[in-house]
Amino acid sequence: MHTILSFTLVPVNSGVSLSKYIAMCVDIVSSSGLDYETHSNGTNLEGSWDEVFSVVETCQKKVHEMGAERIFTTIQLGTRTDREQRMSEKSASVASKRKNTS
């Protein structure tokens, strides 16, 4: 099943800057070969159900290996049964309906 998943992974009690953990996770996401987008509060990725959850699981495990004893992760996901919609299609659809694109 094609899935678009957004996740935010936050190591608890790991200091103010989380960039080393996030950079590592982005490397994992990038090496997965799945389409993805990073943004200021998380990462969107798309692929099969098993593929996207495998990426999140790998990130979780690696952040624990880096010393984070506790991680809080938020996941949002969407699936469709009528067709395989892409992130880029969703963004383009919204953009085409905007009155002011500047």
PDB file of N, CA and C in Angstrom:
ATOM      1  N   MET A   1       0.848  -1.178   0.000  1.00  0.00           N
ATOM      2  CA  MET A   1       0.000   0.000   0.000  1.00  0.00           C
ATOM      3  C   MET A   1       0.890   1.237   0.000  1.00  0.00           C
ATOM      4  N   HIS A   2       0.672   2.132  -0.971  1.00  0.00           N
ATOM      5  CA  HIS A   2       1.446   3.373  -1.053  1.00  0.00           C
ATOM      6  C   HIS A   2       1.082   4.274   0.131  1.00  0.00           C
ATOM      7  N   THR A   3       2.108   4.782   0.802  1.00  0.00           N
ATOM      8  CA  THR A   3       1.916   5.564   2.024  1.00  0.00           C
ATOM      9  C   THR A   3       2.742   6.843   1.952  1.00  0.00           C
ATOM     10  N   ILE A   4       2.121   7.945   2.347  1.00  0.00           N
ATOM     11  CA  ILE A   4       2.848   9.188   2.578  1.00  0.00           C
ATOM     12  C   ILE A   4       2.870   9.384   4.084  1.00  0.00           C
ATOM     13  N   LEU A   5       4.076   9.446   4.641  1.00  0.00           N
ATOM     14  CA  LEU A   5       4.248   9.497   6.090  1.00  0.00           C
ATOM     15  C   LEU A   5       5.083  10.710   6.452  1.00  0.00           C
ATOM     16  N   SER A   6       4.685  11.376   7.514  1.00  0.00           N
ATOM     17  CA  SER A   6       5.445  12.487   8.066  1.00  0.00           C
ATOM     18  C   SER A   6       5.822  12.108   9.492  1.00  0.00           C
ATOM     19  N   PHE A   7       7.101  12.294   9.830  1.00  0.00           N
ATOM     20  CA  PHE A   7       7.475  11.982  11.207  1.00  0.00           C
ATOM     21  C   PHE A   7       8.425  13.025  11.778  1.00  0.00           C
ATOM     22  N   THR A   8       8.306  13.187  13.081  1.00  0.00           N
ATOM     23  CA  THR A   8       9.173  14.061  13.850  1.00  0.00           C
ATOM     24  C   THR A   8       9.727  13.233  14.993  1.00  0.00           C
ATOM     25  N   LEU A   9      11.028  13.140  15.073  1.00  0.00           N
ATOM     26  CA  LEU A   9      11.696  12.320  16.069  1.00  0.00           C
ATOM     27  C   LEU A   9      12.452  13.250  17.013  1.00  0.00           C
ATOM     28  N   VAL A  10      12.170  13.153  18.297  1.00  0.00           N
ATOM     29  CA  VAL A  10      12.792  14.052  19.275  1.00  0.00           C
ATOM     30  C   VAL A  10      13.418  13.233  20.406  1.00  0.00           C
ATOM     31  N   PRO A  11      14.747  13.195  20.469  1.00  0.00           N
ATOM     32  CA  PRO A  11      15.401  12.564  21.607  1.00  0.00           C
ATOM     33  C   PRO A  11      15.138  13.400  22.866  1.00  0.00           C
ATOM     34  N   VAL A  12      14.713  12.773  23.925  1.00  0.00           N
ATOM     35  CA  VAL A  12      14.387  13.471  25.171  1.00  0.00           C
ATOM     36  C   VAL A  12      15.652  13.575  26.027  1.00  0.00           C
ATOM     37  N   ASN A  13      15.829  14.738  26.661  1.00  0.00           N
ATOM     38  CA  ASN A  13      16.988  14.993  27.530  1.00  0.00           C
ATOM     39  C   ASN A  13      18.318  14.827  26.804  1.00  0.00           C
ATOM     40  N   SER A  14      18.352  15.293  25.551  1.00  0.00           N
ATOM     41  CA  SER A  14      19.579  15.173  24.764  1.00  0.00           C
ATOM     42  C   SER A  14      20.183  16.534  24.450  1.00  0.00           C
ATOM     43  N   GLY A  15      19.806  17.543  25.221  1.00  0.00           N
ATOM     44  CA  GLY A  15      20.325  18.875  25.012  1.00  0.00           C
ATOM     45  C   GLY A  15      19.413  19.712  24.129  1.00  0.00           C
ATOM     46  N   VAL A  16      19.818  20.942  23.926  1.00  0.00           N
ATOM     47  CA  VAL A  16      19.008  21.889  23.159  1.00  0.00           C
ATOM     48  C   VAL A  16      19.103  21.613  21.663  1.00  0.00           C
ATOM     49  N   SER A  17      20.306  21.366  21.168  1.00  0.00           N
ATOM     50  CA  SER A  17      20.497  21.124  19.735  1.00  0.00           C
ATOM     51  C   SER A  17      20.320  19.645  19.425  1.00  0.00           C
ATOM     52  N   LEU A  18      19.445  19.372  18.469  1.00  0.00           N
ATOM     53  CA  LEU A  18      19.190  17.992  18.056  1.00  0.00           C
ATOM     54  C   LEU A  18      19.734  17.714  16.661  1.00  0.00           C
ATOM     55  N   SER A  19      20.471  18.655  16.098  1.00  0.00           N
ATOM     56  CA  SER A  19      20.865  18.569  14.693  1.00  0.00           C
ATOM     57  C   SER A  19      21.702  17.327  14.369  1.00  0.00           C
ATOM     58  N   LYS A  20      22.523  16.855  15.295  1.00  0.00           N
ATOM     59  CA  LYS A  20      23.323  15.667  14.981  1.00  0.00           C
ATOM     60  C   LYS A  20      22.438  14.436  14.808  1.00  0.00           C
ATOM     61  N   TYR A  21      21.367  14.354  15.581  1.00  0.00           N
ATOM     62  CA  TYR A  21      20.436  13.233  15.446  1.00  0.00           C
ATOM     63  C   TYR A  21      19.623  13.357  14.156  1.00  0.00           C
ATOM     64  N   ILE A  22      19.172  14.571  13.885  1.00  0.00           N
ATOM     65  CA  ILE A  22      18.352  14.803  12.695  1.00  0.00           C
ATOM     66  C   ILE A  22      19.182  14.575  11.435  1.00  0.00           C
ATOM     67  N   ALA A  23      20.411  15.053  11.412  1.00  0.00           N
ATOM     68  CA  ALA A  23      21.272  14.850  10.249  1.00  0.00           C
ATOM     69  C   ALA A  23      21.475  13.357   9.988  1.00  0.00           C
ATOM     70  N   MET A  24      21.660  12.585  11.035  1.00  0.00           N
ATOM     71  CA  MET A  24      21.838  11.147  10.888  1.00  0.00           C
ATOM     72  C   MET A  24      20.574  10.522  10.311  1.00  0.00           C
ATOM     73  N   CYS A  25      19.408  10.955  10.808  1.00  0.00           N
ATOM     74  CA  CYS A  25      18.143  10.417  10.295  1.00  0.00           C
ATOM     75  C   CYS A  25      17.930  10.796   8.831  1.00  0.00           C
ATOM     76  N   VAL A  26      18.280  12.021   8.467  1.00  0.00           N
ATOM     77  CA  VAL A  26      18.144  12.439   7.065  1.00  0.00           C
ATOM     78  C   VAL A  26      19.067  11.594   6.183  1.00  0.00           C
ATOM     79  N   ASP A  27      20.239  11.254   6.673  1.00  0.00           N
ATOM     80  CA  ASP A  27      21.120  10.360   5.916  1.00  0.00           C
ATOM     81  C   ASP A  27      20.472   8.992   5.707  1.00  0.00           C
ATOM     82  N   ILE A  28      19.825   8.478   6.732  1.00  0.00           N
ATOM     83  CA  ILE A  28      19.125   7.187   6.622  1.00  0.00           C
ATOM     84  C   ILE A  28      17.988   7.287   5.612  1.00  0.00           C
ATOM     85  N   VAL A  29      17.196   8.351   5.734  1.00  0.00           N
ATOM     86  CA  VAL A  29      16.077   8.551   4.807  1.00  0.00           C
ATOM     87  C   VAL A  29      16.601   8.659   3.377  1.00  0.00           C
ATOM     88  N   SER A  30      17.636   9.451   3.178  1.00  0.00           N
ATOM     89  CA  SER A  30      18.200   9.652   1.844  1.00  0.00           C
ATOM     90  C   SER A  30      18.715   8.346   1.247  1.00  0.00           C
ATOM     91  N   SER A  31      19.389   7.553   2.061  1.00  0.00           N
ATOM     92  CA  SER A  31      19.951   6.294   1.564  1.00  0.00           C
ATOM     93  C   SER A  31      18.888   5.229   1.312  1.00  0.00           C
ATOM     94  N   SER A  32      17.674   5.453   1.806  1.00  0.00           N
ATOM     95  CA  SER A  32      16.588   4.479   1.589  1.00  0.00           C
ATOM     96  C   SER A  32      16.143   4.439   0.133  1.00  0.00           C
ATOM     97  N   GLY A  33      16.400   5.516  -0.593  1.00  0.00           N
ATOM     98  CA  GLY A  33      15.957   5.591  -1.984  1.00  0.00           C
ATOM     99  C   GLY A  33      14.516   6.048  -2.145  1.00  0.00           C
ATOM    100  N   LEU A  34      13.827   6.289  -1.036  1.00  0.00           N
ATOM    101  CA  LEU A  34      12.443   6.755  -1.097  1.00  0.00           C
ATOM    102  C   LEU A  34      12.411   8.259  -1.368  1.00  0.00           C
ATOM    103  N   ASP A  35      11.335   8.732  -1.978  1.00  0.00           N
ATOM    104  CA  ASP A  35      11.151  10.170  -2.134  1.00  0.00           C
ATOM    105  C   ASP A  35      10.870  10.759  -0.761  1.00  0.00           C
ATOM    106  N   TYR A  36      11.481  11.918  -0.487  1.00  0.00           N
ATOM    107  CA  TYR A  36      11.285  12.541   0.818  1.00  0.00           C
ATOM    108  C   TYR A  36      11.434  14.048   0.713  1.00  0.00           C
ATOM    109  N   GLU A  37      10.949  14.726   1.726  1.00  0.00           N
ATOM    110  CA  GLU A  37      11.107  16.175   1.884  1.00  0.00           C
ATOM    111  C   GLU A  37      11.383  16.425   3.351  1.00  0.00           C
ATOM    112  N   THR A  38      12.397  17.228   3.640  1.00  0.00           N
ATOM    113  CA  THR A  38      12.609  17.646   5.021  1.00  0.00           C
ATOM    114  C   THR A  38      12.008  19.035   5.185  1.00  0.00           C
ATOM    115  N   HIS A  39      11.584  19.336   6.395  1.00  0.00           N
ATOM    116  CA  HIS A  39      11.067  20.659   6.715  1.00  0.00           C
ATOM    117  C   HIS A  39      11.469  20.978   8.144  1.00  0.00           C
ATOM    118  N   SER A  40      11.133  22.156   8.591  1.00  0.00           N
ATOM    119  CA  SER A  40      11.653  22.620   9.885  1.00  0.00           C
ATOM    120  C   SER A  40      11.198  21.792  11.083  1.00  0.00           C
ATOM    121  N   ASN A  41      10.132  21.019  10.926  1.00  0.00           N
ATOM    122  CA  ASN A  41       9.637  20.238  12.058  1.00  0.00           C
ATOM    123  C   ASN A  41       9.539  18.744  11.784  1.00  0.00           C
ATOM    124  N   GLY A  42      10.221  18.272  10.767  1.00  0.00           N
ATOM    125  CA  GLY A  42      10.168  16.841  10.509  1.00  0.00           C
ATOM    126  C   GLY A  42      10.535  16.480   9.090  1.00  0.00           C
ATOM    127  N   THR A  43      10.149  15.271   8.714  1.00  0.00           N
ATOM    128  CA  THR A  43      10.460  14.724   7.402  1.00  0.00           C
ATOM    129  C   THR A  43       9.234  14.013   6.846  1.00  0.00           C
ATOM    130  N   ASN A  44       8.961  14.263   5.575  1.00  0.00           N
ATOM    131  CA  ASN A  44       7.915  13.541   4.853  1.00  0.00           C
ATOM    132  C   ASN A  44       8.597  12.512   3.968  1.00  0.00           C
ATOM    133  N   LEU A  45       8.037  11.322   3.885  1.00  0.00           N
ATOM    134  CA  LEU A  45       8.550  10.348   2.953  1.00  0.00           C
ATOM    135  C   LEU A  45       7.423   9.512   2.394  1.00  0.00           C
ATOM    136  N   GLU A  46       7.670   8.940   1.226  1.00  0.00           N
ATOM    137  CA  GLU A  46       6.639   8.130   0.601  1.00  0.00           C
ATOM    138  C   GLU A  46       7.218   6.842   0.062  1.00  0.00           C
ATOM    139  N   GLY A  47       6.397   5.815   0.134  1.00  0.00           N
ATOM    140  CA  GLY A  47       6.778   4.494  -0.337  1.00  0.00           C
ATOM    141  C   GLY A  47       5.731   3.509   0.130  1.00  0.00           C
ATOM    142  N   SER A  48       6.072   2.244   0.109  1.00  0.00           N
ATOM    143  CA  SER A  48       5.127   1.254   0.625  1.00  0.00           C
ATOM    144  C   SER A  48       5.049   1.387   2.148  1.00  0.00           C
ATOM    145  N   TRP A  49       3.989   0.867   2.701  1.00  0.00           N
ATOM    146  CA  TRP A  49       3.792   0.876   4.160  1.00  0.00           C
ATOM    147  C   TRP A  49       5.040   0.341   4.860  1.00  0.00           C
ATOM    148  N   ASP A  50       5.496  -0.835   4.431  1.00  0.00           N
ATOM    149  CA  ASP A  50       6.648  -1.470   5.076  1.00  0.00           C
ATOM    150  C   ASP A  50       7.919  -0.646   4.908  1.00  0.00           C
ATOM    151  N   GLU A  51       8.115  -0.043   3.739  1.00  0.00           N
ATOM    152  CA  GLU A  51       9.318   0.750   3.492  1.00  0.00           C
ATOM    153  C   GLU A  51       9.395   1.966   4.407  1.00  0.00           C
ATOM    154  N   VAL A  52       8.304   2.729   4.492  1.00  0.00           N
ATOM    155  CA  VAL A  52       8.357   3.955   5.293  1.00  0.00           C
ATOM    156  C   VAL A  52       8.501   3.648   6.781  1.00  0.00           C
ATOM    157  N   PHE A  53       7.820   2.606   7.252  1.00  0.00           N
ATOM    158  CA  PHE A  53       7.953   2.267   8.664  1.00  0.00           C
ATOM    159  C   PHE A  53       9.326   1.671   8.975  1.00  0.00           C
ATOM    160  N   SER A  54       9.926   1.005   8.014  1.00  0.00           N
ATOM    161  CA  SER A  54      11.279   0.489   8.202  1.00  0.00           C
ATOM    162  C   SER A  54      12.277   1.636   8.369  1.00  0.00           C
ATOM    163  N   VAL A  55      12.100   2.701   7.603  1.00  0.00           N
ATOM    164  CA  VAL A  55      12.979   3.869   7.725  1.00  0.00           C
ATOM    165  C   VAL A  55      12.842   4.492   9.116  1.00  0.00           C
ATOM    166  N   VAL A  56      11.608   4.662   9.576  1.00  0.00           N
ATOM    167  CA  VAL A  56      11.390   5.238  10.909  1.00  0.00           C
ATOM    168  C   VAL A  56      12.011   4.339  11.974  1.00  0.00           C
ATOM    169  N   GLU A  57      11.827   3.046  11.839  1.00  0.00           N
ATOM    170  CA  GLU A  57      12.408   2.112  12.806  1.00  0.00           C
ATOM    171  C   GLU A  57      13.932   2.207  12.825  1.00  0.00           C
ATOM    172  N   THR A  58      14.539   2.298  11.658  1.00  0.00           N
ATOM    173  CA  THR A  58      15.996   2.422  11.579  1.00  0.00           C
ATOM    174  C   THR A  58      16.469   3.705  12.252  1.00  0.00           C
ATOM    175  N   CYS A  59      15.757   4.806  12.028  1.00  0.00           N
ATOM    176  CA  CYS A  59      16.102   6.072  12.693  1.00  0.00           C
ATOM    177  C   CYS A  59      16.003   5.932  14.211  1.00  0.00           C
ATOM    178  N   GLN A  60      14.909   5.336  14.675  1.00  0.00           N
ATOM    179  CA  GLN A  60      14.722   5.147  16.122  1.00  0.00           C
ATOM    180  C   GLN A  60      15.900   4.380  16.715  1.00  0.00           C
ATOM    181  N   LYS A  61      16.229   3.262  16.085  1.00  0.00           N
ATOM    182  CA  LYS A  61      17.310   2.422  16.603  1.00  0.00           C
ATOM    183  C   LYS A  61      18.638   3.168  16.613  1.00  0.00           C
ATOM    184  N   LYS A  62      18.934   3.882  15.538  1.00  0.00           N
ATOM    185  CA  LYS A  62      20.217   4.585  15.437  1.00  0.00           C
ATOM    186  C   LYS A  62      20.321   5.704  16.485  1.00  0.00           C
ATOM    187  N   VAL A  63      19.236   6.436  16.707  1.00  0.00           N
ATOM    188  CA  VAL A  63      19.261   7.505  17.714  1.00  0.00           C
ATOM    189  C   VAL A  63      19.466   6.911  19.107  1.00  0.00           C
ATOM    190  N   HIS A  64      18.863   5.765  19.391  1.00  0.00           N
ATOM    191  CA  HIS A  64      19.133   5.094  20.662  1.00  0.00           C
ATOM    192  C   HIS A  64      20.609   4.694  20.747  1.00  0.00           C
ATOM    193  N   GLU A  65      21.162   4.168  19.649  1.00  0.00           N
ATOM    194  CA  GLU A  65      22.580   3.781  19.639  1.00  0.00           C
ATOM    195  C   GLU A  65      23.493   4.986  19.863  1.00  0.00           C
ATOM    196  N   MET A  66      23.023   6.171  19.469  1.00  0.00           N
ATOM    197  CA  MET A  66      23.814   7.392  19.655  1.00  0.00           C
ATOM    198  C   MET A  66      23.753   7.896  21.089  1.00  0.00           C
ATOM    199  N   GLY A  67      23.009   7.213  21.948  1.00  0.00           N
ATOM    200  CA  GLY A  67      22.979   7.573  23.357  1.00  0.00           C
ATOM    201  C   GLY A  67      21.670   8.111  23.892  1.00  0.00           C
ATOM    202  N   ALA A  68      20.694   8.331  23.030  1.00  0.00           N
ATOM    203  CA  ALA A  68      19.396   8.818  23.515  1.00  0.00           C
ATOM    204  C   ALA A  68      18.658   7.661  24.193  1.00  0.00           C
ATOM    205  N   GLU A  69      18.389   7.831  25.469  1.00  0.00           N
ATOM    206  CA  GLU A  69      17.708   6.779  26.206  1.00  0.00           C
ATOM    207  C   GLU A  69      16.204   6.775  25.947  1.00  0.00           C
ATOM    208  N   ARG A  70      15.677   7.940  25.581  1.00  0.00           N
ATOM    209  CA  ARG A  70      14.241   8.068  25.354  1.00  0.00           C
ATOM    210  C   ARG A  70      14.024   8.924  24.115  1.00  0.00           C
ATOM    211  N   ILE A  71      13.052   8.520  23.290  1.00  0.00           N
ATOM    212  CA  ILE A  71      12.726   9.251  22.064  1.00  0.00           C
ATOM    213  C   ILE A  71      11.216   9.414  21.996  1.00  0.00           C
ATOM    214  N   PHE A  72      10.787  10.613  21.649  1.00  0.00           N
ATOM    215  CA  PHE A  72       9.367  10.879  21.407  1.00  0.00           C
ATOM    216  C   PHE A  72       9.209  11.102  19.908  1.00  0.00           C
ATOM    217  N   THR A  73       8.394  10.281  19.261  1.00  0.00           N
ATOM    218  CA  THR A  73       8.205  10.374  17.817  1.00  0.00           C
ATOM    219  C   THR A  73       6.735  10.555  17.497  1.00  0.00           C
ATOM    220  N   THR A  74       6.463  11.526  16.633  1.00  0.00           N
ATOM    221  CA  THR A  74       5.113  11.775  16.153  1.00  0.00           C
ATOM    222  C   THR A  74       5.058  11.342  14.690  1.00  0.00           C
ATOM    223  N   ILE A  75       4.016  10.578  14.345  1.00  0.00           N
ATOM    224  CA  ILE A  75       3.848  10.097  12.978  1.00  0.00           C
ATOM    225  C   ILE A  75       2.450  10.457  12.490  1.00  0.00           C
ATOM    226  N   GLN A  76       2.402  11.010  11.283  1.00  0.00           N
ATOM    227  CA  GLN A  76       1.140  11.227  10.580  1.00  0.00           C
ATOM    228  C   GLN A  76       1.276  10.516   9.252  1.00  0.00           C
ATOM    229  N   LEU A  77       0.215   9.880   8.797  1.00  0.00           N
ATOM    230  CA  LEU A  77       0.319   9.199   7.518  1.00  0.00           C
ATOM    231  C   LEU A  77      -1.006   9.226   6.785  1.00  0.00           C
ATOM    232  N   GLY A  78      -0.903   9.058   5.476  1.00  0.00           N
ATOM    233  CA  GLY A  78      -2.078   8.992   4.636  1.00  0.00           C
ATOM    234  C   GLY A  78      -1.906   7.903   3.600  1.00  0.00           C
ATOM    235  N   THR A  79      -2.997   7.229   3.304  1.00  0.00           N
ATOM    236  CA  THR A  79      -3.019   6.212   2.254  1.00  0.00           C
ATOM    237  C   THR A  79      -4.266   6.415   1.417  1.00  0.00           C
ATOM    238  N   ARG A  80      -4.219   5.922   0.204  1.00  0.00           N
ATOM    239  CA  ARG A  80      -5.381   5.953  -0.684  1.00  0.00           C
ATOM    240  C   ARG A  80      -5.531   4.583  -1.316  1.00  0.00           C
ATOM    241  N   THR A  81      -6.758   4.226  -1.619  1.00  0.00           N
ATOM    242  CA  THR A  81      -6.988   2.954  -2.302  1.00  0.00           C
ATOM    243  C   THR A  81      -7.366   3.146  -3.764  1.00  0.00           C
ATOM    244  N   ASP A  82      -7.751   4.385  -4.138  1.00  0.00           N
ATOM    245  CA  ASP A  82      -8.192   4.611  -5.518  1.00  0.00           C
ATOM    246  C   ASP A  82      -7.035   4.828  -6.484  1.00  0.00           C
ATOM    247  N   ARG A  83      -5.892   5.346  -5.973  1.00  0.00           N
ATOM    248  CA  ARG A  83      -4.715   5.539  -6.819  1.00  0.00           C
ATOM    249  C   ARG A  83      -3.505   5.810  -5.940  1.00  0.00           C
ATOM    250  N   GLU A  84      -2.330   5.796  -6.567  1.00  0.00           N
ATOM    251  CA  GLU A  84      -1.073   6.029  -5.859  1.00  0.00           C
ATOM    252  C   GLU A  84      -0.688   7.493  -6.012  1.00  0.00           C
ATOM    253  N   GLN A  85      -1.112   8.317  -5.068  1.00  0.00           N
ATOM    254  CA  GLN A  85      -0.847   9.754  -5.128  1.00  0.00           C
ATOM    255  C   GLN A  85       0.522  10.073  -4.535  1.00  0.00           C
ATOM    256  N   ARG A  86       1.235  10.987  -5.164  1.00  0.00           N
ATOM    257  CA  ARG A  86       2.565  11.391  -4.729  1.00  0.00           C
ATOM    258  C   ARG A  86       2.520  12.706  -3.959  1.00  0.00           C
ATOM    259  N   MET A  87       3.544  12.951  -3.141  1.00  0.00           N
ATOM    260  CA  MET A  87       3.649  14.217  -2.410  1.00  0.00           C
ATOM    261  C   MET A  87       3.648  15.385  -3.385  1.00  0.00           C
ATOM    262  N   SER A  88       4.392  15.240  -4.467  1.00  0.00           N
ATOM    263  CA  SER A  88       4.498  16.331  -5.444  1.00  0.00           C
ATOM    264  C   SER A  88       3.144  16.655  -6.074  1.00  0.00           C
ATOM    265  N   GLU A  89       2.311  15.646  -6.291  1.00  0.00           N
ATOM    266  CA  GLU A  89       0.977  15.881  -6.841  1.00  0.00           C
ATOM    267  C   GLU A  89       0.112  16.677  -5.864  1.00  0.00           C
ATOM    268  N   LYS A  90       0.206  16.326  -4.599  1.00  0.00           N
ATOM    269  CA  LYS A  90      -0.592  17.025  -3.593  1.00  0.00           C
ATOM    270  C   LYS A  90      -0.195  18.493  -3.508  1.00  0.00           C
ATOM    271  N   SER A  91       1.109  18.748  -3.501  1.00  0.00           N
ATOM    272  CA  SER A  91       1.593  20.135  -3.448  1.00  0.00           C
ATOM    273  C   SER A  91       1.193  20.905  -4.696  1.00  0.00           C
ATOM    274  N   ALA A  92       1.307  20.284  -5.851  1.00  0.00           N
ATOM    275  CA  ALA A  92       0.940  20.943  -7.112  1.00  0.00           C
ATOM    276  C   ALA A  92      -0.550  21.245  -7.159  1.00  0.00           C
ATOM    277  N   SER A  93      -1.363  20.362  -6.635  1.00  0.00           N
ATOM    278  CA  SER A  93      -2.810  20.577  -6.622  1.00  0.00           C
ATOM    279  C   SER A  93      -3.174  21.796  -5.788  1.00  0.00           C
ATOM    280  N   VAL A  94      -2.567  21.923  -4.627  1.00  0.00           N
ATOM    281  CA  VAL A  94      -2.817  23.087  -3.773  1.00  0.00           C
ATOM    282  C   VAL A  94      -2.328  24.360  -4.457  1.00  0.00           C
ATOM    283  N   ALA A  95      -1.125  24.310  -5.013  1.00  0.00           N
ATOM    284  CA  ALA A  95      -0.554  25.493  -5.676  1.00  0.00           C
ATOM    285  C   ALA A  95      -1.427  25.965  -6.833  1.00  0.00           C
ATOM    286  N   SER A  96      -2.006  25.033  -7.573  1.00  0.00           N
ATOM    287  CA  SER A  96      -2.833  25.411  -8.724  1.00  0.00           C
ATOM    288  C   SER A  96      -4.142  26.079  -8.316  1.00  0.00           C
ATOM    289  N   LYS A  97      -4.543  25.899  -7.094  1.00  0.00           N
ATOM    290  CA  LYS A  97      -5.800  26.460  -6.611  1.00  0.00           C
ATOM    291  C   LYS A  97      -5.638  27.769  -5.839  1.00  0.00           C
ATOM    292  N   ARG A  98      -4.392  28.149  -5.581  1.00  0.00           N
ATOM    293  CA  ARG A  98      -4.133  29.388  -4.840  1.00  0.00           C
ATOM    294  C   ARG A  98      -4.411  30.604  -5.716  1.00  0.00           C
ATOM    295  N   LYS A  99      -4.979  31.622  -5.104  1.00  0.00           N
ATOM    296  CA  LYS A  99      -5.271  32.860  -5.825  1.00  0.00           C
ATOM    297  C   LYS A  99      -4.015  33.702  -6.013  1.00  0.00           C
ATOM    298  N   ASN A 100      -3.175  33.734  -4.982  1.00  0.00           N
ATOM    299  CA  ASN A 100      -1.976  34.557  -5.012  1.00  0.00           C
ATOM    300  C   ASN A 100      -0.780  33.638  -4.765  1.00  0.00           C
ATOM    301  N   THR A 101       0.039  33.434  -5.772  1.00  0.00           N
ATOM    302  CA  THR A 101       1.179  32.527  -5.619  1.00  0.00           C
ATOM    303  C   THR A 101       2.472  33.243  -5.314  1.00  0.00           C
ATOM    304  N   SER A 102       2.422  34.541  -5.045  1.00  0.00           N
ATOM    305  CA  SER A 102       3.661  35.282  -4.735  1.00  0.00           C
ATOM    306  C   SER A 102       3.924  35.312  -3.259  1.00  0.00           C
TER     307      SER A 102
END
